[in-house]
Protein backbone atom coordinates (compact mmCIF):
# COMPACT_ATOMS: atom_id res chain seq x y z
CA MET A 1 9.83 104.57 -59.32
CA GLU A 2 7.23 104.18 -62.05
CA THR A 3 5.42 100.97 -62.92
CA THR A 4 3.46 100.93 -66.16
CA HIS A 5 1.55 98.51 -68.37
CA ALA A 6 0.74 100.41 -71.52
CA ALA A 7 -0.97 99.16 -74.64
CA ARG A 8 1.93 97.59 -76.46
CA ALA A 9 2.62 95.89 -79.74
CA GLY A 10 1.49 92.28 -79.89
CA ARG A 11 0.61 90.84 -76.50
CA GLY A 12 3.67 92.20 -74.70
CA MET A 13 2.89 93.62 -71.26
CA THR A 14 6.26 94.75 -69.91
CA ALA A 15 9.74 94.85 -71.34
CA LEU A 16 10.78 92.30 -68.74
CA ARG A 17 8.14 89.83 -69.91
CA ARG A 18 8.73 90.41 -73.59
CA THR A 19 12.39 89.53 -73.26
CA SER A 20 11.74 86.41 -71.21
CA GLY A 21 10.34 84.49 -74.18
CA ILE A 22 8.58 82.06 -71.90
CA ILE A 23 5.15 80.84 -72.92
CA ALA A 24 3.79 79.42 -69.68
CA ALA A 25 0.83 77.22 -69.00
CA VAL A 26 -2.39 78.82 -67.89
CA THR A 27 -2.47 79.39 -64.15
CA LEU A 28 -2.88 76.45 -61.85
CA THR A 29 -6.10 77.07 -59.92
CA THR A 30 -7.28 75.16 -56.90
CA SER A 31 -11.00 75.63 -56.25
CA LEU A 32 -12.71 75.31 -52.92
CA ALA A 33 -16.14 73.71 -52.91
CA ALA A 34 -18.65 75.88 -51.09
CA CYS A 35 -19.27 73.19 -48.50
CA ALA A 36 -15.61 72.44 -47.81
CA GLY A 37 -15.12 75.33 -45.41
CA GLY A 38 -11.41 75.78 -46.12
CA ALA A 39 -8.77 76.08 -48.77
CA ILE A 40 -7.46 72.90 -50.32
CA GLY A 41 -3.69 72.80 -50.81
CA GLY A 42 -2.92 74.20 -54.23
CA GLY A 43 -0.17 75.07 -56.66
CA THR A 44 2.82 73.23 -57.95
CA GLU A 45 5.98 73.20 -55.91
CA GLY A 46 8.33 75.98 -56.83
CA GLY A 47 11.16 78.13 -55.57
CA ASP A 48 10.86 81.09 -53.25
CA ASP A 49 10.36 83.41 -56.22
CA VAL A 50 7.13 81.73 -57.40
CA PHE A 51 4.40 84.36 -56.99
CA LYS A 52 1.27 82.80 -55.51
CA VAL A 53 -2.09 84.58 -55.25
CA GLY A 54 -5.16 83.62 -53.25
CA LEU A 55 -8.42 84.66 -54.95
CA ILE A 56 -11.46 84.97 -52.67
CA SER A 57 -14.49 84.92 -54.95
CA PRO A 58 -18.03 84.70 -53.48
CA VAL A 59 -19.57 82.96 -56.49
CA THR A 60 -22.28 81.50 -54.29
CA GLY A 61 -24.42 83.72 -52.08
CA PRO A 62 -25.96 87.17 -52.58
CA VAL A 63 -23.33 88.82 -54.84
CA VAL A 64 -22.87 86.19 -57.53
CA GLN A 65 -23.04 88.65 -60.45
CA GLU A 66 -20.33 90.91 -59.09
CA ALA A 67 -18.15 88.01 -57.94
CA THR A 68 -18.37 86.20 -61.27
CA ALA A 69 -17.39 89.33 -63.16
CA MET A 70 -14.49 89.98 -60.80
CA GLN A 71 -13.22 86.41 -61.12
CA ARG A 72 -13.38 86.53 -64.90
CA GLY A 73 -11.37 89.75 -65.09
CA PHE A 74 -8.83 88.31 -62.66
CA GLU A 75 -8.53 85.06 -64.63
CA LEU A 76 -7.93 86.92 -67.90
CA ALA A 77 -5.15 88.92 -66.27
CA ILE A 78 -3.48 85.78 -64.91
CA GLU A 79 -3.75 84.09 -68.30
CA LYS A 80 -2.17 87.10 -69.98
CA ILE A 81 0.60 87.38 -67.41
CA ASN A 82 1.49 83.69 -67.66
CA ALA A 83 1.30 83.64 -71.47
CA GLU A 84 3.89 86.42 -71.47
CA GLY A 85 6.37 84.78 -69.14
CA GLY A 86 4.80 84.91 -65.72
CA VAL A 87 6.29 86.90 -62.86
CA LEU A 88 9.99 86.73 -62.02
CA GLY A 89 10.32 84.18 -64.81
CA GLN A 90 7.77 81.69 -63.48
CA PRO A 91 4.02 81.19 -63.91
CA VAL A 92 1.82 82.81 -61.31
CA GLU A 93 0.04 80.24 -59.17
CA VAL A 94 -3.51 80.79 -57.92
CA VAL A 95 -5.63 79.24 -55.19
CA THR A 96 -9.32 80.11 -55.58
CA VAL A 97 -11.79 79.95 -52.68
CA ASP A 98 -15.43 80.94 -52.15
CA ASP A 99 -16.33 82.87 -48.98
CA GLN A 100 -20.03 83.07 -49.94
CA ALA A 101 -19.95 86.78 -48.97
CA ASP A 102 -19.82 85.71 -45.31
CA ALA A 103 -17.34 87.59 -43.11
CA ALA A 104 -16.71 84.65 -40.77
CA LYS A 105 -15.80 82.45 -43.74
CA SER A 106 -13.71 85.27 -45.21
CA THR A 107 -11.61 85.39 -42.05
CA GLN A 108 -11.15 81.63 -41.96
CA LEU A 109 -10.24 81.39 -45.64
CA ALA A 110 -7.81 84.31 -45.52
CA GLN A 111 -6.04 82.67 -42.59
CA ARG A 112 -5.83 79.35 -44.45
CA LEU A 113 -4.62 80.96 -47.68
CA ILE A 114 -1.76 82.51 -45.74
CA SER A 115 -0.85 79.73 -43.32
CA GLN A 116 -1.67 76.62 -45.36
CA ASP A 117 -1.35 77.69 -48.99
CA GLN A 118 1.37 80.25 -48.25
CA VAL A 119 0.11 82.81 -50.75
CA ASP A 120 2.09 85.99 -51.34
CA TYR A 121 -0.98 88.08 -52.16
CA ILE A 122 -4.75 87.96 -51.57
CA PHE A 123 -7.23 89.35 -54.09
CA GLY A 124 -10.97 89.63 -54.10
CA THR A 125 -14.10 89.27 -52.00
CA ILE A 126 -16.98 91.71 -52.58
CA PRO A 127 -18.99 93.19 -49.64
CA GLY A 128 -17.49 95.72 -47.25
CA ASP A 129 -17.68 93.48 -44.18
CA THR A 130 -15.84 90.62 -45.89
CA THR A 131 -13.27 93.09 -47.22
CA ALA A 132 -12.66 94.39 -43.70
CA ALA A 133 -12.34 90.83 -42.37
CA VAL A 134 -9.76 89.84 -44.99
CA ALA A 135 -7.87 93.12 -44.62
CA GLN A 136 -7.47 92.55 -40.89
CA VAL A 137 -6.01 89.08 -41.42
CA ALA A 138 -3.75 90.23 -44.27
CA GLU A 139 -2.47 93.25 -42.36
CA SER A 140 -1.59 91.13 -39.34
CA ALA A 141 0.33 88.69 -41.55
CA LYS A 142 1.91 91.48 -43.67
CA VAL A 143 0.47 89.96 -46.83
CA PRO A 144 -0.76 92.49 -49.43
CA PHE A 145 -4.47 92.40 -50.24
CA SER A 146 -6.54 94.05 -52.98
CA SER A 147 -10.27 94.33 -53.60
CA ALA A 148 -11.88 95.33 -56.91
CA ILE A 149 -15.44 96.41 -56.07
CA LEU A 150 -16.56 100.04 -56.13
CA GLY A 151 -16.79 102.14 -52.97
CA ASN A 152 -14.44 103.66 -50.43
CA ALA A 153 -13.44 100.34 -48.87
CA GLY A 154 -13.38 101.87 -45.39
CA VAL A 155 -10.34 99.94 -44.25
CA CYS A 156 -6.88 101.36 -43.68
CA GLY A 157 -3.63 99.41 -43.71
CA GLN A 158 -0.14 99.43 -45.11
CA TYR A 159 -0.88 96.23 -47.04
CA PHE A 160 -4.34 97.06 -48.43
CA PHE A 161 -4.65 98.34 -52.02
CA PRO A 162 -8.29 98.60 -53.23
CA PHE A 163 -8.75 98.96 -56.99
CA GLY A 164 -12.45 99.89 -56.83
CA GLU A 165 -13.82 103.33 -57.65
CA PRO A 166 -13.96 105.61 -54.57
CA ASN A 167 -17.30 107.21 -53.78
CA ALA A 168 -16.26 110.71 -54.88
CA SER A 169 -15.34 109.41 -58.33
CA LEU A 170 -18.89 108.10 -58.68
CA LEU A 171 -20.59 111.19 -57.26
CA ASN A 172 -18.71 114.35 -58.17
CA GLY A 173 -19.62 114.37 -61.85
CA LEU A 174 -23.07 112.88 -61.34
CA LEU A 175 -24.82 114.92 -58.67
CA PRO A 176 -24.47 118.38 -60.25
CA GLN A 177 -25.82 117.01 -63.54
CA MET A 178 -28.80 115.34 -61.87
CA ILE A 179 -29.66 118.53 -59.98
CA ALA A 180 -29.42 120.56 -63.18
CA ASP A 181 -31.57 118.07 -65.10
CA HIS A 182 -34.16 117.18 -62.47
CA GLY A 183 -34.11 119.41 -59.38
CA THR A 184 -32.90 119.67 -55.80
CA LYS A 185 -35.11 117.16 -53.93
CA VAL A 186 -33.38 113.78 -53.68
CA ALA A 187 -34.35 110.34 -52.34
CA LEU A 188 -31.60 107.93 -51.27
CA VAL A 189 -32.41 104.19 -51.46
CA GLY A 190 -29.85 101.52 -50.58
CA ASN A 191 -29.20 98.11 -49.13
CA ASP A 192 -28.44 98.06 -45.42
CA TYR A 193 -24.70 97.45 -45.16
CA ALA A 194 -21.48 99.44 -45.04
CA PHE A 195 -21.09 100.54 -48.68
CA PRO A 196 -24.52 102.18 -49.21
CA ARG A 197 -24.28 104.03 -45.90
CA GLY A 198 -20.81 105.36 -46.71
CA TYR A 199 -21.81 106.20 -50.28
CA PHE A 200 -24.84 108.15 -49.08
CA ALA A 201 -22.86 109.95 -46.36
CA ASP A 202 -20.52 111.26 -49.06
CA ALA A 203 -23.49 112.02 -51.33
CA ARG A 204 -25.15 114.07 -48.59
CA THR A 205 -22.02 116.18 -48.20
CA VAL A 206 -21.92 116.99 -51.91
CA LEU A 207 -25.69 117.49 -52.17
CA GLU A 208 -25.73 119.94 -49.27
CA GLU A 209 -22.87 121.92 -50.81
CA LEU A 210 -24.93 122.11 -54.02
CA GLY A 211 -28.04 123.31 -52.19
CA ALA A 212 -30.01 120.09 -52.60
CA THR A 213 -32.27 118.48 -49.97
CA VAL A 214 -32.53 114.79 -49.07
CA VAL A 215 -36.25 114.10 -48.66
CA LEU A 216 -35.93 110.35 -48.02
CA GLU A 217 -33.12 108.01 -46.94
CA GLU A 218 -34.21 104.39 -46.89
CA TYR A 219 -32.27 101.13 -46.35
CA SER A 220 -33.46 97.56 -46.90
CA PRO A 221 -31.68 94.29 -46.05
CA MET A 222 -29.77 92.34 -48.66
CA GLY A 223 -32.12 89.82 -50.24
CA THR A 224 -35.13 92.14 -50.36
CA ALA A 225 -37.45 90.98 -53.14
CA ASP A 226 -40.48 93.18 -52.49
CA TRP A 227 -39.65 96.88 -52.89
CA GLN A 228 -43.26 98.09 -52.89
CA PRO A 229 -43.08 99.53 -49.34
CA VAL A 230 -40.00 101.56 -50.33
CA ILE A 231 -41.60 102.62 -53.62
CA SER A 232 -44.63 103.86 -51.67
CA LYS A 233 -42.30 105.94 -49.49
CA ILE A 234 -40.59 107.37 -52.58
CA LYS A 235 -43.91 108.43 -54.03
CA ALA A 236 -44.99 109.99 -50.72
CA ALA A 237 -41.71 111.93 -50.42
CA ALA A 238 -42.10 113.22 -54.01
CA PRO A 239 -38.41 113.70 -54.84
CA ASP A 240 -37.19 115.15 -58.11
CA TRP A 241 -34.88 112.17 -58.50
CA VAL A 242 -33.64 108.99 -56.82
CA LEU A 243 -30.04 108.01 -56.07
CA THR A 244 -29.66 104.27 -55.50
CA ALA A 245 -27.14 102.03 -53.79
CA VAL A 246 -29.03 98.76 -54.16
CA VAL A 247 -26.94 95.86 -55.51
CA GLY A 248 -27.09 92.28 -56.70
CA ALA A 249 -30.45 90.68 -57.44
CA ASP A 250 -32.01 93.39 -55.26
CA ALA A 251 -31.05 96.00 -57.87
CA THR A 252 -32.93 94.12 -60.57
CA ALA A 253 -35.98 93.84 -58.33
CA LEU A 254 -35.92 97.51 -57.31
CA VAL A 255 -35.51 98.93 -60.81
CA THR A 256 -38.12 96.56 -62.28
CA GLN A 257 -40.70 97.42 -59.63
CA ALA A 258 -39.87 101.14 -59.79
CA ASP A 259 -40.44 101.05 -63.53
CA GLN A 260 -43.72 99.21 -63.13
CA ALA A 261 -44.80 101.88 -60.63
CA GLY A 262 -44.03 104.66 -63.10
CA ILE A 263 -41.09 106.09 -61.16
CA LEU A 264 -38.62 105.87 -64.03
CA ASP A 265 -40.99 107.98 -66.15
CA SER A 266 -41.99 110.51 -63.49
CA MET A 267 -38.63 111.42 -61.93
CA GLY A 268 -34.88 111.08 -62.40
CA PHE A 269 -33.27 107.78 -61.44
CA THR A 270 -29.55 106.97 -61.17
CA GLY A 271 -26.86 105.36 -59.03
CA VAL A 272 -25.21 102.04 -58.39
CA SER A 273 -28.28 100.00 -59.34
CA LEU A 274 -27.64 100.98 -62.98
CA ILE A 275 -24.09 99.60 -63.27
CA ALA A 276 -23.38 97.15 -66.07
CA ASP A 277 -23.44 94.15 -63.73
CA PHE A 278 -27.24 94.40 -63.56
CA TYR A 279 -28.02 95.23 -67.18
CA PRO A 280 -28.83 91.63 -68.24
CA GLY A 281 -31.80 91.53 -65.86
CA LEU A 282 -33.10 94.97 -66.80
CA THR A 283 -32.14 95.71 -70.44
CA ASP A 284 -34.46 98.33 -71.93
CA ARG A 285 -35.63 99.52 -68.50
CA MET A 286 -32.19 101.19 -68.27
CA HIS A 287 -32.15 102.82 -71.68
CA GLY A 288 -31.90 106.59 -71.57
CA LEU A 289 -30.67 106.67 -67.96
CA THR A 290 -27.26 108.02 -66.95
CA LEU A 291 -24.58 107.42 -64.31
CA VAL A 292 -20.94 108.22 -63.66
CA GLY A 293 -18.18 105.64 -63.36
CA ARG A 294 -14.71 104.64 -64.38
CA TYR A 295 -15.32 101.93 -66.93
CA SER A 296 -17.33 100.96 -69.98
CA ASP A 297 -16.53 98.49 -72.73
CA GLN A 298 -17.15 101.50 -75.02
CA LEU A 299 -13.96 103.28 -73.87
CA ASP A 300 -11.88 103.85 -76.98
CA ASN A 301 -8.30 102.75 -76.35
CA GLU A 302 -6.14 99.83 -77.41
CA ALA A 303 -5.80 98.26 -73.95
CA ASN A 304 -9.57 98.22 -73.50
CA LYS A 305 -10.13 96.80 -76.97
CA GLU A 306 -7.77 93.93 -76.15
CA PHE A 307 -9.52 93.32 -72.83
CA VAL A 308 -13.03 93.46 -74.33
CA ASP A 309 -12.14 91.11 -77.18
CA ALA A 310 -10.54 88.63 -74.78
CA PHE A 311 -13.45 88.80 -72.33
CA ARG A 312 -16.13 88.29 -74.99
CA GLU A 313 -14.26 85.41 -76.59
CA ALA A 314 -13.37 83.64 -73.33
CA TYR A 315 -16.84 83.81 -71.81
CA ASP A 316 -19.08 84.02 -74.91
CA PHE A 317 -20.31 87.28 -73.37
CA SER A 318 -22.40 89.85 -75.25
CA ASP A 319 -23.74 91.98 -72.38
CA PRO A 320 -21.98 95.15 -71.15
CA ILE A 321 -18.79 94.22 -69.30
CA PRO A 322 -18.93 95.22 -65.61
CA SER A 323 -16.38 97.62 -64.14
CA VAL A 324 -15.45 95.15 -61.40
CA ALA A 325 -14.12 92.84 -64.12
CA ALA A 326 -11.97 95.62 -65.55
CA ASN A 327 -10.82 96.63 -62.04
CA ALA A 328 -9.72 93.06 -61.33
CA TYR A 329 -7.97 92.77 -64.69
CA GLU A 330 -6.16 96.10 -64.45
CA GLY A 331 -5.41 95.53 -60.78
CA MET A 332 -3.82 92.13 -61.25
CA LEU A 333 -1.68 93.38 -64.14
CA MET A 334 -0.47 96.25 -61.96
CA ILE A 335 0.26 93.88 -59.08
CA ALA A 336 2.32 91.64 -61.37
CA ASP A 337 4.28 94.65 -62.59
CA ALA A 338 4.91 95.71 -58.99
CA VAL A 339 6.34 92.28 -58.14
CA GLU A 340 8.62 92.54 -61.17
CA GLN A 341 9.73 96.01 -60.12
CA ALA A 342 10.33 94.83 -56.56
CA GLY A 343 12.19 91.73 -57.76
CA SER A 344 10.71 89.99 -54.74
CA THR A 345 7.59 88.23 -53.46
CA GLU A 346 8.02 89.67 -49.96
CA GLY A 347 4.94 91.55 -48.83
CA ALA A 348 6.71 94.75 -47.79
CA ASP A 349 8.59 94.93 -51.09
CA ILE A 350 5.43 94.42 -53.15
CA ALA A 351 3.51 97.00 -51.12
CA LYS A 352 6.23 99.61 -51.61
CA ALA A 353 6.41 99.04 -55.36
CA LEU A 354 2.63 99.00 -55.76
CA GLY A 355 2.17 102.21 -53.81
CA GLU A 356 4.70 103.95 -56.05
CA GLY A 357 3.43 102.37 -59.27
CA GLU A 358 1.50 104.00 -62.07
CA VAL A 359 -0.57 102.66 -64.97
CA GLU A 360 -0.17 104.34 -68.34
CA ASN A 361 -2.49 103.54 -71.24
CA GLY A 362 -4.42 100.86 -69.38
CA VAL A 363 -8.08 100.02 -69.86
CA PHE A 364 -9.04 103.21 -67.98
CA GLY A 365 -6.23 105.28 -69.45
CA GLY A 366 -3.92 106.22 -66.57
CA GLY A 367 -4.18 105.40 -62.89
CA SER A 368 -2.26 105.34 -59.62
CA PHE A 369 -2.78 105.16 -55.88
CA ASN A 370 -2.98 108.45 -54.03
CA GLU A 371 -1.56 109.04 -50.56
CA ASP A 372 -4.69 107.57 -48.97
CA ARG A 373 -4.52 104.39 -51.07
CA PHE A 374 -7.42 105.20 -53.39
CA PHE A 375 -6.82 104.05 -56.96
CA MET A 376 -7.50 107.22 -58.96
CA THR A 377 -8.40 107.33 -62.65
CA GLU A 378 -10.35 109.51 -65.01
CA THR A 379 -14.13 108.93 -64.90
CA ALA A 380 -16.98 109.56 -67.32
CA ARG A 381 -20.70 110.21 -67.41
CA PHE A 382 -22.28 107.35 -69.34
CA GLU A 383 -25.62 107.27 -71.11
CA ILE A 384 -27.15 103.80 -71.30
CA ARG A 385 -28.31 103.17 -74.85
CA GLU A 386 -29.88 100.41 -76.92
CA GLY A 387 -28.11 97.08 -76.63
CA GLY A 388 -26.44 97.98 -73.35
CA ALA A 389 -23.95 100.48 -74.73
CA TYR A 390 -22.69 102.61 -71.83
CA VAL A 391 -21.59 105.52 -73.99
CA PRO A 392 -19.25 108.13 -72.46
CA VAL A 393 -20.67 111.62 -73.06
CA GLU A 394 -18.54 113.64 -70.64
CA THR A 395 -15.23 112.93 -68.91
CA PHE A 396 -13.82 114.08 -65.58
CA PRO A 397 -10.22 114.14 -64.32
CA ALA A 398 -9.16 112.01 -61.37
CA ASP A 399 -10.78 113.87 -58.48
CA ILE A 400 -10.11 113.31 -54.79
CA GLU A 401 -12.19 116.25 -53.54
CA GLY A 402 -14.91 115.06 -51.20
CA ILE A 403 -13.39 111.63 -50.58
CA THR A 404 -13.77 110.56 -46.96
CA PRO A 405 -10.22 109.73 -45.78
CA ARG A 406 -9.68 106.06 -44.96
CA CYS A 407 -6.41 106.49 -43.15
CA ALA A 408 -6.90 109.73 -41.19
């Protein structure tokens, strides 16, 4: 079975939705105040075929930038889906909650979304520990769950479908280029949680195969504002270049202080800290640097043009659009198509259709889940230029080599 959502004439997304002729209201969203501690009963009453999604969005806490971008991409997808007839002929309903990037709250909210709000699907959250917490709850209840943030999402389950970029997609085209441009001595600097450690474990494997040497591997807690001790260690280790996995406000602090210390001028610098999410706080400090990823608002295709135009108009947004927003948008469209293909809101039926589905001519071009439930797409090496243009200068095919298996 093949599920697609190509760039189509007008605003049509699938043949099923084009023929429905229904122009539905924008999604009904029930928000959870940060202090409420649980989901408030949401959507309108409907039949068994009303598709209901719970969005977990940590828009307060340490990952606000990433969460806000994810939620915006998700909302645009829901608006598009409902404007074109909804799913199974009815508007998609959404219940939105905030887990504050706290795993204990993630568990509680996932349980309430399933038992109280009776959602058919859960989408969202950001950090690896909250993803694992939600995945455990969703798997037990046989409710499909998708995340959108980059990284391997080291969770395995029959009902878990992560739309984020796997580590190998971020590393395989990047590391050989950095070695060629700068040299073989590498410093690894990340926040101290699951994603950076997994990202660097995969990076070490590739670096060793390429004959490079890791001269420093340093982790700092989330919320680190003073990076001078780490910068001193970088200078003492004298690497040829630095690979980062520092995120959120910490990324802005690290890159700013590294620039002030002359590191950006004296050695190569790349990695997750340069993604578009963090450009607004860094601007010209990033210009001339390079990284590899799946998405840029500079990708030249019709589906991306539609997405970029809608995003900029809806949110009065002029900065580079983060990949997590595109992942959430593309992911939710693919999920909606899978429900249509399944003709059912039952978890097992959706999971089967989604696992067999394929995107053609989406914002990334093509994409599908591989046998280990990684969402694979083409990637590109981007140069960051004036005005925040992440310009693709080299492309790479979907590449699973070097990916640490999640489900072995």
